[in-house]
Every structure is written in structure tokens, then in C-alpha cells.
């Protein structure tokens, strides 16, 4: 009877050891995923800023090259006004 009890206690000990190792592995995995997500978010944000800054610089240089035609501005303004009146 003692042999069976000792075997069951050993089995329970091994079970808790295995569950603890799995818990430890998953915790390290989740921590790693969070660290990589923060690292990628910083890189993505800086890349997005550089991309948007380059686009705004291109817009500024393009708008300096060609002045806007007043007729085109009037046509766009009229189209926007008509669209907004149709929505209401």
C-alpha cells in the first residue's frame, strides 16, 4: 500500500512540475510577444512619421510649383456646397 501511495505522490509531483514548466514557458512567450509588439510599434510609428513628413514636403514643393487656378477652386467649392445640400 505504501508503494502505491508513494507512486501517486511522485506522479502528482511530476504533474505539478510539468504544469509549472508549461506556465513558465507560456509566461515567457507572452512577455516576448509584448516586447516585440512594443518594438515594432515604435518602428512603425517612426516609419509612418517619416513617410507622412516626406509626403507633406512633396505637397509643399508641388504647391509652390503651380498656383491654383481660381476657376478650379470655384468649381470644387460649388461641388462641395451642392453635395452638402443634398445630404441634408
C-alpha atoms as a PDB file:
ATOM      1  CA  UNK A   1       0.000   0.000   0.000  1.00  0.00           C
ATOM      2  CA  UNK A   2       2.860   2.375   0.755  1.00  0.00           C
ATOM      3  CA  UNK A   3       4.312   1.670  -2.652  1.00  0.00           C
ATOM      4  CA  UNK A   4       1.097   2.779  -4.411  1.00  0.00           C
ATOM      5  CA  UNK A   5       0.843   5.912  -2.259  1.00  0.00           C
ATOM      6  CA  UNK A   6       4.456   6.828  -2.941  1.00  0.00           C
ATOM      7  CA  UNK A   7       3.949   6.286  -6.670  1.00  0.00           C
ATOM      8  CA  UNK A   8       0.860   8.525  -6.665  1.00  0.00           C
ATOM      9  CA  UNK A   9       2.707  11.254  -4.773  1.00  0.00           C
ATOM     10  CA  UNK A  10       5.565  11.045  -7.270  1.00  0.00           C
ATOM     11  CA  UNK A  11       3.067  11.235 -10.145  1.00  0.00           C
ATOM     12  CA  UNK A  12       1.365  14.297  -8.642  1.00  0.00           C
ATOM     13  CA  UNK A  13       4.756  15.942  -8.090  1.00  0.00           C
ATOM     14  CA  UNK A  14       5.786  15.296 -11.693  1.00  0.00           C
ATOM     15  CA  UNK A  15       2.397  16.603 -12.878  1.00  0.00           C
ATOM     16  CA  UNK A  16       2.788  19.870 -10.962  1.00  0.00           C
ATOM     17  CA  UNK A  17       6.362  20.211 -12.185  1.00  0.00           C
ATOM     18  CA  UNK A  18       5.212  19.807 -15.797  1.00  0.00           C
ATOM     19  CA  UNK A  19       2.332  22.239 -15.361  1.00  0.00           C
ATOM     20  CA  UNK A  20       4.670  24.757 -13.755  1.00  0.00           C
ATOM     21  CA  UNK A  21       7.137  24.472 -16.617  1.00  0.00           C
ATOM     22  CA  UNK A  22       4.352  24.966 -19.164  1.00  0.00           C
ATOM     23  CA  UNK A  23       3.119  28.014 -17.237  1.00  0.00           C
ATOM     24  CA  UNK A  24       6.655  29.419 -17.115  1.00  0.00           C
ATOM     25  CA  UNK A  25       7.153  28.819 -20.859  1.00  0.00           C
ATOM     26  CA  UNK A  26       3.847  30.488 -21.755  1.00  0.00           C
ATOM     27  CA  UNK A  27       4.609  33.453 -19.492  1.00  0.00           C
ATOM     28  CA  UNK A  28       7.985  33.976 -21.173  1.00  0.00           C
ATOM     29  CA  UNK A  29       6.332  33.619 -24.588  1.00  0.00           C
ATOM     30  CA  UNK A  30       3.675  36.250 -23.765  1.00  0.00           C
ATOM     31  CA  UNK A  31       6.320  38.599 -22.377  1.00  0.00           C
ATOM     32  CA  UNK A  32       8.377  38.163 -25.555  1.00  0.00           C
ATOM     33  CA  UNK A  33       5.361  38.876 -27.746  1.00  0.00           C
ATOM     34  CA  UNK A  34       4.610  42.076 -25.814  1.00  0.00           C
ATOM     35  CA  UNK A  35       8.214  43.238 -26.091  1.00  0.00           C
ATOM     36  CA  UNK A  36       8.313  42.595 -29.837  1.00  0.00           C
ATOM     37  CA  UNK A  37       4.948  44.354 -30.280  1.00  0.00           C
ATOM     38  CA  UNK A  38       6.247  47.460 -28.493  1.00  0.00           C
ATOM     39  CA  UNK A  39       9.457  47.385 -30.509  1.00  0.00           C
ATOM     40  CA  UNK A  40       7.559  47.062 -33.796  1.00  0.00           C
ATOM     41  CA  UNK A  41       5.064  49.763 -32.802  1.00  0.00           C
ATOM     42  CA  UNK A  42       7.895  52.234 -32.232  1.00  0.00           C
ATOM     43  CA  UNK A  43       9.444  51.343 -35.585  1.00  0.00           C
ATOM     44  CA  UNK A  44       6.082  51.560 -37.350  1.00  0.00           C
ATOM     45  CA  UNK A  45       5.293  54.909 -35.754  1.00  0.00           C
ATOM     46  CA  UNK A  46       8.643  56.391 -36.728  1.00  0.00           C
ATOM     47  CA  UNK A  47       8.340  54.996 -40.263  1.00  0.00           C
ATOM     48  CA  UNK A  48       4.817  56.419 -40.527  1.00  0.00           C
ATOM     49  CA  UNK A  49       6.077  59.810 -39.339  1.00  0.00           C
ATOM     50  CA  UNK A  50       8.906  59.814 -41.879  1.00  0.00           C
ATOM     51  CA  UNK A  51       6.516  58.756 -44.651  1.00  0.00           C
ATOM     52  CA  UNK A  52       3.942  61.429 -43.776  1.00  0.00           C
ATOM     53  CA  UNK A  53       6.648  64.063 -43.438  1.00  0.00           C
ATOM     54  CA  UNK A  54       8.016  63.175 -46.888  1.00  0.00           C
ATOM     55  CA  UNK A  55       4.513  63.375 -48.368  1.00  0.00           C
ATOM     56  CA  UNK A  56       3.874  66.766 -46.798  1.00  0.00           C
ATOM     57  CA  UNK A  57       7.196  68.020 -48.127  1.00  0.00           C
ATOM     58  CA  UNK A  58       6.219  66.829 -51.613  1.00  0.00           C
ATOM     59  CA  UNK A  59       2.867  68.611 -51.326  1.00  0.00           C
ATOM     60  CA  UNK A  60       4.571  71.820 -50.307  1.00  0.00           C
ATOM     61  CA  UNK A  61       7.023  71.612 -53.182  1.00  0.00           C
ATOM     62  CA  UNK A  62       4.229  70.779 -55.657  1.00  0.00           C
ATOM     63  CA  UNK A  63       2.035  73.624 -54.460  1.00  0.00           C
ATOM     64  CA  UNK A  64       4.963  76.026 -54.817  1.00  0.00           C
ATOM     65  CA  UNK A  65       5.461  74.897 -58.414  1.00  0.00           C
ATOM     66  CA  UNK A  66       1.896  75.540 -59.668  1.00  0.00           C
ATOM     67  CA  UNK A  67      -0.519  78.146 -58.322  1.00  0.00           C
ATOM     68  CA  UNK A  68      -4.138  77.067 -58.106  1.00  0.00           C
ATOM     69  CA  UNK A  69      -6.468  78.129 -60.864  1.00  0.00           C
ATOM     70  CA  UNK A  70      -9.325  80.242 -59.396  1.00  0.00           C
ATOM     71  CA  UNK A  71     -11.825  78.583 -61.744  1.00  0.00           C
ATOM     72  CA  UNK A  72     -10.894  75.140 -60.435  1.00  0.00           C
ATOM     73  CA  UNK A  73     -11.195  76.315 -56.830  1.00  0.00           C
ATOM     74  CA  UNK A  74     -14.627  77.822 -57.581  1.00  0.00           C
ATOM     75  CA  UNK A  75     -15.801  74.613 -59.281  1.00  0.00           C
ATOM     76  CA  UNK A  76     -14.667  72.459 -56.355  1.00  0.00           C
ATOM     77  CA  UNK A  77     -16.290  74.796 -53.843  1.00  0.00           C
ATOM     78  CA  UNK A  78     -19.566  74.712 -55.770  1.00  0.00           C
ATOM     79  CA  UNK A  79     -19.466  70.916 -55.997  1.00  0.00           C
ATOM     80  CA  UNK A  80     -18.867  70.602 -52.252  1.00  0.00           C
ATOM     81  CA  UNK A  81     -21.703  73.021 -51.495  1.00  0.00           C
ATOM     82  CA  UNK A  82     -24.101  71.052 -53.739  1.00  0.00           C
ATOM     83  CA  UNK A  83     -23.059  67.756 -52.173  1.00  0.00           C
ATOM     84  CA  UNK A  84     -23.594  69.067 -48.660  1.00  0.00           C
ATOM     85  CA  UNK A  85     -27.031  70.468 -49.578  1.00  0.00           C
ATOM     86  CA  UNK A  86     -28.074  67.078 -50.993  1.00  0.00           C
ATOM     87  CA  UNK A  87     -27.084  65.248 -47.798  1.00  0.00           C
ATOM     88  CA  UNK A  88     -29.285  67.406 -45.537  1.00  0.00           C
END
